[in-house]
Amino acid sequence: MLDKLTSADFLPQLHQPFVIRLDGIALIELELASVTDLGAAPLPEMRRPFSLLYLGPASNQYLQQGTYRLENEQLGALELFIAPLGPRQGRMEYEAIFT
């Protein structure tokens, strides 16, 4: 399913929650902060690359770079590789890139 998703699939979810459930830890809610196209598709039959930026909760703890199951009411469960970029307004910013 991930290989079929485009930036247009995520745009309606802008500023909506994506939840991560980890064993023994309270739910972690990330907010989809932006969806950005990253240039043209490499081939006509391929999707256009894009990035998703998420903001984590206000906390001094953050997720390590890795693959997490993010759950969204409209898109369902997605296994995404996210990387922390650094703090933004007291919240950690994370990025997922689709090529």
N, C-alpha and C. Protein backbone atom coordinates (compact mmCIF):
# COMPACT_ATOMS: atom_id res chain seq x y z
N MET A 1 0.81 -1.19 0.00
CA MET A 1 0.00 0.00 0.00
C MET A 1 0.87 1.27 0.00
N LEU A 2 1.97 1.27 0.74
CA LEU A 2 2.82 2.46 0.82
C LEU A 2 3.31 2.92 -0.54
N ASP A 3 3.59 1.97 -1.42
CA ASP A 3 4.13 2.34 -2.73
C ASP A 3 3.09 3.02 -3.62
N LYS A 4 1.83 2.98 -3.25
CA LYS A 4 0.75 3.61 -4.02
C LYS A 4 0.38 5.00 -3.49
N LEU A 5 0.77 5.31 -2.27
CA LEU A 5 0.40 6.59 -1.67
C LEU A 5 1.15 7.75 -2.32
N THR A 6 0.46 8.89 -2.44
CA THR A 6 1.06 10.10 -2.96
C THR A 6 0.86 11.23 -1.95
N SER A 7 1.47 12.36 -2.22
CA SER A 7 1.30 13.49 -1.31
C SER A 7 -0.18 13.88 -1.21
N ALA A 8 -0.93 13.73 -2.30
CA ALA A 8 -2.36 14.07 -2.29
C ALA A 8 -3.14 13.23 -1.28
N ASP A 9 -2.69 12.00 -0.99
CA ASP A 9 -3.37 11.16 0.00
C ASP A 9 -3.20 11.71 1.41
N PHE A 10 -2.10 12.41 1.66
CA PHE A 10 -1.82 12.93 2.99
C PHE A 10 -2.34 14.34 3.22
N LEU A 11 -2.52 15.12 2.17
CA LEU A 11 -2.95 16.51 2.33
C LEU A 11 -4.23 16.67 3.16
N PRO A 12 -5.27 15.82 2.98
CA PRO A 12 -6.47 15.97 3.82
C PRO A 12 -6.20 15.69 5.31
N GLN A 13 -5.07 15.07 5.62
CA GLN A 13 -4.74 14.72 7.00
C GLN A 13 -3.84 15.76 7.67
N LEU A 14 -3.58 16.87 6.98
CA LEU A 14 -2.75 17.93 7.53
C LEU A 14 -3.31 18.39 8.88
N HIS A 15 -2.44 18.46 9.87
CA HIS A 15 -2.76 18.86 11.25
C HIS A 15 -3.65 17.85 11.98
N GLN A 16 -3.72 16.65 11.45
CA GLN A 16 -4.47 15.56 12.09
C GLN A 16 -3.50 14.65 12.83
N PRO A 17 -3.98 13.89 13.81
CA PRO A 17 -3.11 13.02 14.59
C PRO A 17 -2.78 11.70 13.89
N PHE A 18 -1.56 11.25 14.11
CA PHE A 18 -1.09 9.92 13.75
C PHE A 18 -0.55 9.34 15.05
N VAL A 19 -1.07 8.20 15.48
CA VAL A 19 -0.77 7.64 16.79
C VAL A 19 0.22 6.49 16.66
N ILE A 20 1.20 6.47 17.58
CA ILE A 20 2.15 5.37 17.68
C ILE A 20 1.91 4.67 19.01
N ARG A 21 1.80 3.36 18.96
CA ARG A 21 1.61 2.55 20.17
C ARG A 21 2.88 1.73 20.38
N LEU A 22 3.53 1.94 21.51
CA LEU A 22 4.72 1.18 21.86
C LEU A 22 4.44 0.42 23.15
N ASP A 23 4.96 -0.79 23.25
CA ASP A 23 4.74 -1.61 24.44
C ASP A 23 5.23 -0.90 25.69
N GLY A 24 4.37 -0.85 26.70
CA GLY A 24 4.74 -0.30 27.99
C GLY A 24 4.84 1.21 28.04
N ILE A 25 4.44 1.90 26.98
CA ILE A 25 4.53 3.36 26.93
C ILE A 25 3.16 3.90 26.53
N ALA A 26 2.80 5.05 27.09
CA ALA A 26 1.54 5.70 26.70
C ALA A 26 1.57 6.02 25.21
N LEU A 27 0.39 6.13 24.62
CA LEU A 27 0.29 6.47 23.20
C LEU A 27 1.10 7.73 22.89
N ILE A 28 1.75 7.73 21.75
CA ILE A 28 2.48 8.91 21.29
C ILE A 28 1.73 9.45 20.09
N GLU A 29 1.33 10.70 20.17
CA GLU A 29 0.56 11.31 19.09
C GLU A 29 1.44 12.30 18.33
N LEU A 30 1.57 12.06 17.03
CA LEU A 30 2.28 12.97 16.15
C LEU A 30 1.26 13.73 15.32
N GLU A 31 1.51 15.00 15.09
CA GLU A 31 0.64 15.82 14.25
C GLU A 31 1.30 16.00 12.89
N LEU A 32 0.58 15.71 11.82
CA LEU A 32 1.12 15.93 10.48
C LEU A 32 1.18 17.44 10.25
N ALA A 33 2.39 18.00 10.20
CA ALA A 33 2.58 19.44 10.13
C ALA A 33 2.72 19.95 8.71
N SER A 34 3.28 19.14 7.80
CA SER A 34 3.39 19.58 6.40
C SER A 34 3.58 18.40 5.48
N VAL A 35 3.17 18.62 4.23
CA VAL A 35 3.34 17.66 3.14
C VAL A 35 4.00 18.44 2.01
N THR A 36 5.17 17.98 1.55
CA THR A 36 5.93 18.73 0.56
C THR A 36 6.36 17.84 -0.60
N ASP A 37 6.01 18.24 -1.82
CA ASP A 37 6.51 17.52 -3.00
C ASP A 37 7.98 17.84 -3.18
N LEU A 38 8.75 16.84 -3.63
CA LEU A 38 10.21 16.98 -3.75
C LEU A 38 10.68 16.84 -5.19
N GLY A 39 10.07 17.56 -6.11
CA GLY A 39 10.50 17.50 -7.50
C GLY A 39 9.64 16.55 -8.31
N ALA A 40 10.11 16.31 -9.51
CA ALA A 40 9.37 15.48 -10.47
C ALA A 40 9.60 14.00 -10.22
N ALA A 41 8.68 13.19 -10.72
CA ALA A 41 8.84 11.74 -10.65
C ALA A 41 10.03 11.34 -11.52
N PRO A 42 10.84 10.35 -11.07
CA PRO A 42 12.01 9.95 -11.84
C PRO A 42 11.64 9.36 -13.21
N LEU A 43 10.51 8.69 -13.27
CA LEU A 43 9.99 8.11 -14.52
C LEU A 43 8.50 8.39 -14.57
N PRO A 44 7.93 8.49 -15.77
CA PRO A 44 6.49 8.81 -15.88
C PRO A 44 5.57 7.86 -15.10
N GLU A 45 5.93 6.60 -15.00
CA GLU A 45 5.07 5.64 -14.31
C GLU A 45 5.29 5.61 -12.79
N MET A 46 6.23 6.42 -12.29
CA MET A 46 6.51 6.45 -10.86
C MET A 46 5.86 7.67 -10.20
N ARG A 47 5.66 7.57 -8.90
CA ARG A 47 5.08 8.70 -8.17
C ARG A 47 6.13 9.79 -7.97
N ARG A 48 5.63 10.96 -7.72
CA ARG A 48 6.47 12.11 -7.41
C ARG A 48 6.97 11.96 -5.96
N PRO A 49 8.27 12.12 -5.70
CA PRO A 49 8.74 12.01 -4.31
C PRO A 49 8.17 13.13 -3.44
N PHE A 50 7.98 12.83 -2.15
CA PHE A 50 7.45 13.83 -1.23
C PHE A 50 7.93 13.53 0.18
N SER A 51 7.80 14.54 1.04
CA SER A 51 8.15 14.35 2.44
C SER A 51 6.98 14.74 3.33
N LEU A 52 6.95 14.12 4.48
CA LEU A 52 5.97 14.42 5.52
C LEU A 52 6.73 14.90 6.74
N LEU A 53 6.30 16.00 7.32
CA LEU A 53 6.88 16.47 8.57
C LEU A 53 5.83 16.34 9.66
N TYR A 54 6.23 15.71 10.74
CA TYR A 54 5.36 15.49 11.89
C TYR A 54 5.93 16.23 13.10
N LEU A 55 5.05 16.70 13.97
CA LEU A 55 5.46 17.27 15.24
C LEU A 55 5.01 16.34 16.36
N GLY A 56 5.96 16.01 17.23
CA GLY A 56 5.65 15.16 18.37
C GLY A 56 5.05 15.97 19.51
N PRO A 57 4.72 15.32 20.61
CA PRO A 57 4.16 16.03 21.76
C PRO A 57 5.23 16.90 22.43
N ALA A 58 4.80 17.88 23.18
CA ALA A 58 5.73 18.70 23.97
C ALA A 58 6.36 17.78 25.01
N SER A 59 7.67 17.56 24.89
CA SER A 59 8.35 16.63 25.77
C SER A 59 9.85 16.79 25.60
N ASN A 60 10.61 16.33 26.58
CA ASN A 60 12.06 16.32 26.42
C ASN A 60 12.54 14.94 25.97
N GLN A 61 11.62 14.04 25.72
CA GLN A 61 11.94 12.72 25.18
C GLN A 61 11.45 12.66 23.74
N TYR A 62 12.15 11.87 22.94
CA TYR A 62 11.75 11.77 21.54
C TYR A 62 12.03 10.37 21.00
N LEU A 63 11.42 10.08 19.87
CA LEU A 63 11.60 8.79 19.21
C LEU A 63 12.94 8.76 18.49
N GLN A 64 13.58 7.62 18.51
CA GLN A 64 14.81 7.44 17.75
C GLN A 64 14.45 7.22 16.27
N GLN A 65 15.40 7.43 15.39
CA GLN A 65 15.20 7.13 13.98
C GLN A 65 14.86 5.65 13.84
N GLY A 66 13.84 5.35 13.05
CA GLY A 66 13.45 3.97 12.86
C GLY A 66 12.08 3.84 12.23
N THR A 67 11.63 2.61 12.08
CA THR A 67 10.33 2.32 11.49
C THR A 67 9.30 2.15 12.60
N TYR A 68 8.21 2.88 12.46
CA TYR A 68 7.13 2.86 13.45
C TYR A 68 5.79 2.66 12.73
N ARG A 69 4.87 2.08 13.45
CA ARG A 69 3.50 1.92 12.93
C ARG A 69 2.71 3.15 13.36
N LEU A 70 2.34 3.98 12.39
CA LEU A 70 1.56 5.17 12.65
C LEU A 70 0.13 4.89 12.24
N GLU A 71 -0.81 5.19 13.14
CA GLU A 71 -2.22 4.94 12.87
C GLU A 71 -2.96 6.26 12.72
N ASN A 72 -3.74 6.34 11.65
CA ASN A 72 -4.53 7.53 11.37
C ASN A 72 -5.95 7.10 11.07
N GLU A 73 -6.92 7.88 11.52
CA GLU A 73 -8.33 7.52 11.36
C GLU A 73 -8.71 7.28 9.90
N GLN A 74 -8.22 8.09 8.99
CA GLN A 74 -8.59 7.97 7.58
C GLN A 74 -7.68 7.02 6.79
N LEU A 75 -6.37 7.06 7.04
CA LEU A 75 -5.42 6.27 6.26
C LEU A 75 -5.16 4.88 6.84
N GLY A 76 -5.58 4.66 8.08
CA GLY A 76 -5.34 3.37 8.71
C GLY A 76 -3.92 3.30 9.28
N ALA A 77 -3.36 2.10 9.34
CA ALA A 77 -2.03 1.88 9.90
C ALA A 77 -0.99 1.86 8.79
N LEU A 78 0.08 2.61 9.01
CA LEU A 78 1.17 2.71 8.04
C LEU A 78 2.49 2.47 8.75
N GLU A 79 3.34 1.63 8.18
CA GLU A 79 4.69 1.41 8.71
C GLU A 79 5.61 2.41 8.02
N LEU A 80 6.03 3.45 8.77
CA LEU A 80 6.84 4.52 8.19
C LEU A 80 8.20 4.60 8.88
N PHE A 81 9.23 4.86 8.08
CA PHE A 81 10.55 5.14 8.61
C PHE A 81 10.60 6.64 8.86
N ILE A 82 10.80 7.03 10.11
CA ILE A 82 10.86 8.45 10.45
C ILE A 82 12.20 8.76 11.10
N ALA A 83 12.63 9.99 10.93
CA ALA A 83 13.88 10.45 11.53
C ALA A 83 13.62 11.76 12.26
N PRO A 84 14.16 11.89 13.48
CA PRO A 84 14.02 13.16 14.20
C PRO A 84 14.92 14.21 13.53
N LEU A 85 14.37 15.41 13.34
CA LEU A 85 15.13 16.51 12.73
C LEU A 85 15.64 17.50 13.76
N GLY A 86 14.96 17.60 14.86
CA GLY A 86 15.33 18.56 15.90
C GLY A 86 14.09 19.21 16.46
N PRO A 87 14.26 19.93 17.57
CA PRO A 87 13.11 20.56 18.21
C PRO A 87 12.58 21.75 17.42
N ARG A 88 11.27 21.94 17.49
CA ARG A 88 10.59 23.08 16.87
C ARG A 88 9.48 23.49 17.82
N GLN A 89 9.58 24.67 18.38
CA GLN A 89 8.58 25.20 19.31
C GLN A 89 8.30 24.24 20.46
N GLY A 90 9.36 23.65 21.01
CA GLY A 90 9.22 22.75 22.16
C GLY A 90 8.75 21.36 21.81
N ARG A 91 8.62 21.06 20.53
CA ARG A 91 8.19 19.73 20.09
C ARG A 91 9.21 19.19 19.08
N MET A 92 9.45 17.89 19.12
CA MET A 92 10.39 17.29 18.19
C MET A 92 9.73 17.18 16.81
N GLU A 93 10.50 17.51 15.79
CA GLU A 93 10.02 17.40 14.41
C GLU A 93 10.61 16.11 13.81
N TYR A 94 9.76 15.37 13.11
CA TYR A 94 10.15 14.11 12.48
C TYR A 94 9.84 14.18 10.99
N GLU A 95 10.65 13.47 10.20
CA GLU A 95 10.42 13.47 8.75
C GLU A 95 10.35 12.04 8.23
N ALA A 96 9.42 11.85 7.29
CA ALA A 96 9.31 10.61 6.51
C ALA A 96 9.39 11.02 5.05
N ILE A 97 10.23 10.33 4.28
CA ILE A 97 10.39 10.66 2.86
C ILE A 97 9.92 9.48 2.02
N PHE A 98 9.14 9.81 0.99
CA PHE A 98 8.65 8.81 0.04
C PHE A 98 9.31 9.09 -1.30
N THR A 99 9.95 8.07 -1.88
CA THR A 99 10.59 8.25 -3.18
C THR A 99 9.88 7.47 -4.24
